[in-house]
Amino acid sequence: MKNLIKSISALSIAAFAFAFSYNTTFAAVISTWGAKSKPAGVPTDIRAAIMNLTNWILGFVSIIATLVIIYGGVQYLTAGGNEDAVGNAKKTISYGIIGIVIAGLAYAMVIVVSTVILQA
């Protein structure tokens, strides 16, 4: 089980690093070094930059929470009727669901702050 957790963690970190390294915004910035105009897709407003960062972070948290739910499902399927293993699997699934709910609430709070409070 520990090897499965390590594998999932390593795969998530690798996917996250690949997504950041192959960003089209980064490619646009490199291709327009020395240009007088702003490259397409690069936010100049601080609110847009914060929203982009928030979307990346909350997306990553949601992916991790989904993987936790899947891991809990695998634990539940392989429990074999053992009550302790079933209890641990249910806890894992609950933690994953709580993670998704918290990520959704955090996203809602960022939207509220960026639209209501910062627009005034």
C-alpha atoms as a PDB file:
ATOM      1  CA  MET A   1       0.000   0.000   0.000  1.00  0.00           C
ATOM      2  CA  LYS A   2       2.849   2.386   0.784  1.00  0.00           C
ATOM      3  CA  ASN A   3       4.311   1.772  -2.663  1.00  0.00           C
ATOM      4  CA  LEU A   4       0.951   2.640  -4.230  1.00  0.00           C
ATOM      5  CA  ILE A   5       0.812   5.916  -2.303  1.00  0.00           C
ATOM      6  CA  LYS A   6       4.385   6.736  -3.333  1.00  0.00           C
ATOM      7  CA  SER A   7       3.606   5.930  -6.966  1.00  0.00           C
ATOM      8  CA  ILE A   8       0.466   8.070  -7.005  1.00  0.00           C
ATOM      9  CA  SER A   9       2.313  10.941  -5.330  1.00  0.00           C
ATOM     10  CA  ALA A  10       5.218  10.752  -7.760  1.00  0.00           C
ATOM     11  CA  LEU A  11       2.882  10.574 -10.752  1.00  0.00           C
ATOM     12  CA  SER A  12       0.882  13.586  -9.529  1.00  0.00           C
ATOM     13  CA  ILE A  13       4.004  15.659  -8.962  1.00  0.00           C
ATOM     14  CA  ALA A  14       5.374  14.699 -12.369  1.00  0.00           C
ATOM     15  CA  ALA A  15       2.089  15.594 -14.087  1.00  0.00           C
ATOM     16  CA  PHE A  16       1.936  18.908 -12.235  1.00  0.00           C
ATOM     17  CA  ALA A  17       5.543  19.730 -13.162  1.00  0.00           C
ATOM     18  CA  PHE A  18       4.913  18.801 -16.800  1.00  0.00           C
ATOM     19  CA  ALA A  19       1.819  20.992 -16.922  1.00  0.00           C
ATOM     20  CA  PHE A  20       3.804  23.967 -15.638  1.00  0.00           C
ATOM     21  CA  SER A  21       6.829  23.348 -17.854  1.00  0.00           C
ATOM     22  CA  TYR A  22       4.792  23.075 -21.047  1.00  0.00           C
ATOM     23  CA  ASN A  23       2.635  26.127 -20.492  1.00  0.00           C
ATOM     24  CA  THR A  24       1.691  28.073 -23.605  1.00  0.00           C
ATOM     25  CA  THR A  25       1.929  31.323 -21.683  1.00  0.00           C
ATOM     26  CA  PHE A  26       5.561  30.557 -20.911  1.00  0.00           C
ATOM     27  CA  ALA A  27       6.181  29.813 -24.591  1.00  0.00           C
ATOM     28  CA  ALA A  28       4.505  33.099 -25.544  1.00  0.00           C
ATOM     29  CA  VAL A  29       6.709  35.015 -23.113  1.00  0.00           C
ATOM     30  CA  ILE A  30       9.878  33.448 -24.491  1.00  0.00           C
ATOM     31  CA  SER A  31       8.873  34.059 -28.103  1.00  0.00           C
ATOM     32  CA  THR A  32       8.214  37.756 -27.458  1.00  0.00           C
ATOM     33  CA  TRP A  33      11.271  38.739 -25.436  1.00  0.00           C
ATOM     34  CA  GLY A  34      12.279  42.176 -26.524  1.00  0.00           C
ATOM     35  CA  ALA A  35       8.870  42.874 -28.065  1.00  0.00           C
ATOM     36  CA  LYS A  36       7.146  46.121 -27.195  1.00  0.00           C
ATOM     37  CA  SER A  37       3.656  44.627 -26.824  1.00  0.00           C
ATOM     38  CA  LYS A  38       2.204  42.187 -24.328  1.00  0.00           C
ATOM     39  CA  PRO A  39       2.089  38.531 -25.475  1.00  0.00           C
ATOM     40  CA  ALA A  40      -1.324  36.938 -25.829  1.00  0.00           C
ATOM     41  CA  GLY A  41      -2.624  35.107 -22.772  1.00  0.00           C
ATOM     42  CA  VAL A  42      -0.379  36.835 -20.234  1.00  0.00           C
ATOM     43  CA  PRO A  43      -2.432  38.765 -17.678  1.00  0.00           C
ATOM     44  CA  THR A  44      -1.363  42.311 -16.885  1.00  0.00           C
ATOM     45  CA  ASP A  45      -3.957  42.793 -14.141  1.00  0.00           C
ATOM     46  CA  ILE A  46      -3.028  41.500 -10.683  1.00  0.00           C
ATOM     47  CA  ARG A  47      -6.542  40.106 -10.194  1.00  0.00           C
ATOM     48  CA  ALA A  48      -6.270  38.022 -13.357  1.00  0.00           C
ATOM     49  CA  ALA A  49      -2.864  36.722 -12.304  1.00  0.00           C
ATOM     50  CA  ILE A  50      -4.190  35.759  -8.866  1.00  0.00           C
ATOM     51  CA  MET A  51      -7.202  34.022 -10.434  1.00  0.00           C
ATOM     52  CA  ASN A  52      -4.907  32.051 -12.765  1.00  0.00           C
ATOM     53  CA  LEU A  53      -2.720  30.969  -9.843  1.00  0.00           C
ATOM     54  CA  THR A  54      -5.773  30.084  -7.767  1.00  0.00           C
ATOM     55  CA  ASN A  55      -7.224  28.004 -10.596  1.00  0.00           C
ATOM     56  CA  TRP A  56      -3.959  26.057 -10.906  1.00  0.00           C
ATOM     57  CA  ILE A  57      -3.653  25.388  -7.193  1.00  0.00           C
ATOM     58  CA  LEU A  58      -7.297  24.421  -6.679  1.00  0.00           C
ATOM     59  CA  GLY A  59      -7.189  22.212  -9.760  1.00  0.00           C
ATOM     60  CA  PHE A  60      -4.175  20.411  -8.326  1.00  0.00           C
ATOM     61  CA  VAL A  61      -5.897  20.007  -4.947  1.00  0.00           C
ATOM     62  CA  SER A  62      -8.992  18.616  -6.675  1.00  0.00           C
ATOM     63  CA  ILE A  63      -6.915  16.096  -8.603  1.00  0.00           C
ATOM     64  CA  ILE A  64      -5.196  14.942  -5.401  1.00  0.00           C
ATOM     65  CA  ALA A  65      -8.559  14.649  -3.609  1.00  0.00           C
ATOM     66  CA  THR A  66      -9.938  12.588  -6.489  1.00  0.00           C
ATOM     67  CA  LEU A  67      -6.913  10.294  -6.336  1.00  0.00           C
ATOM     68  CA  VAL A  68      -7.484   9.900  -2.588  1.00  0.00           C
ATOM     69  CA  ILE A  69     -11.087   8.855  -3.246  1.00  0.00           C
ATOM     70  CA  ILE A  70      -9.910   6.334  -5.846  1.00  0.00           C
ATOM     71  CA  TYR A  71      -7.308   5.017  -3.414  1.00  0.00           C
ATOM     72  CA  GLY A  72     -10.016   4.648  -0.756  1.00  0.00           C
ATOM     73  CA  GLY A  73     -12.155   2.739  -3.240  1.00  0.00           C
ATOM     74  CA  VAL A  74      -9.295   0.359  -3.960  1.00  0.00           C
ATOM     75  CA  GLN A  75      -8.796  -0.114  -0.216  1.00  0.00           C
ATOM     76  CA  TYR A  76     -12.499  -0.845   0.171  1.00  0.00           C
ATOM     77  CA  LEU A  77     -12.496  -3.390  -2.648  1.00  0.00           C
ATOM     78  CA  THR A  78      -9.438  -5.180  -1.322  1.00  0.00           C
ATOM     79  CA  ALA A  79     -10.573  -5.164   2.333  1.00  0.00           C
ATOM     80  CA  GLY A  80     -11.916  -8.691   2.061  1.00  0.00           C
ATOM     81  CA  GLY A  81     -14.467  -8.198   4.820  1.00  0.00           C
ATOM     82  CA  ASN A  82     -11.914  -7.060   7.392  1.00  0.00           C
ATOM     83  CA  GLU A  83     -13.738  -4.455   9.507  1.00  0.00           C
ATOM     84  CA  ASP A  84     -10.603  -2.421  10.277  1.00  0.00           C
ATOM     85  CA  ALA A  85      -9.643  -2.222   6.604  1.00  0.00           C
ATOM     86  CA  VAL A  86     -13.214  -1.261   5.636  1.00  0.00           C
ATOM     87  CA  GLY A  87     -13.198   1.453   8.309  1.00  0.00           C
ATOM     88  CA  ASN A  88      -9.874   2.824   7.045  1.00  0.00           C
ATOM     89  CA  ALA A  89     -11.188   2.798   3.473  1.00  0.00           C
ATOM     90  CA  LYS A  90     -14.306   4.710   4.491  1.00  0.00           C
ATOM     91  CA  LYS A  91     -12.175   7.277   6.314  1.00  0.00           C
ATOM     92  CA  THR A  92      -9.977   7.696   3.245  1.00  0.00           C
ATOM     93  CA  ILE A  93     -12.996   8.226   1.001  1.00  0.00           C
ATOM     94  CA  SER A  94     -14.440  10.704   3.504  1.00  0.00           C
ATOM     95  CA  TYR A  95     -11.177  12.661   3.570  1.00  0.00           C
ATOM     96  CA  GLY A  96     -11.153  12.828  -0.220  1.00  0.00           C
ATOM     97  CA  ILE A  97     -14.722  14.115  -0.309  1.00  0.00           C
ATOM     98  CA  ILE A  98     -13.893  16.687   2.363  1.00  0.00           C
ATOM     99  CA  GLY A  99     -10.905  17.801   0.264  1.00  0.00           C
ATOM    100  CA  ILE A 100     -13.082  18.337  -2.798  1.00  0.00           C
ATOM    101  CA  VAL A 101     -15.649  20.270  -0.759  1.00  0.00           C
ATOM    102  CA  ILE A 102     -12.944  22.484   0.760  1.00  0.00           C
ATOM    103  CA  ALA A 103     -11.443  23.133  -2.696  1.00  0.00           C
ATOM    104  CA  GLY A 104     -14.879  24.103  -4.005  1.00  0.00           C
ATOM    105  CA  LEU A 105     -15.519  26.426  -1.077  1.00  0.00           C
ATOM    106  CA  ALA A 106     -12.089  28.010  -1.486  1.00  0.00           C
ATOM    107  CA  TYR A 107     -12.817  28.635  -5.160  1.00  0.00           C
ATOM    108  CA  ALA A 108     -16.168  30.194  -4.259  1.00  0.00           C
ATOM    109  CA  MET A 109     -14.482  32.442  -1.701  1.00  0.00           C
ATOM    110  CA  VAL A 110     -11.901  33.611  -4.240  1.00  0.00           C
ATOM    111  CA  ILE A 111     -14.670  34.400  -6.746  1.00  0.00           C
ATOM    112  CA  VAL A 112     -16.603  36.354  -4.135  1.00  0.00           C
ATOM    113  CA  VAL A 113     -13.565  38.298  -3.015  1.00  0.00           C
ATOM    114  CA  SER A 114     -12.437  39.087  -6.553  1.00  0.00           C
ATOM    115  CA  THR A 115     -15.862  40.175  -7.808  1.00  0.00           C
ATOM    116  CA  VAL A 116     -17.555  41.765  -4.822  1.00  0.00           C
ATOM    117  CA  ILE A 117     -14.825  43.220  -2.660  1.00  0.00           C
ATOM    118  CA  LEU A 118     -12.161  44.143  -5.221  1.00  0.00           C
ATOM    119  CA  GLN A 119     -14.640  45.673  -7.689  1.00  0.00           C
ATOM    120  CA  ALA A 120     -15.695  48.341  -5.199  1.00  0.00           C
END
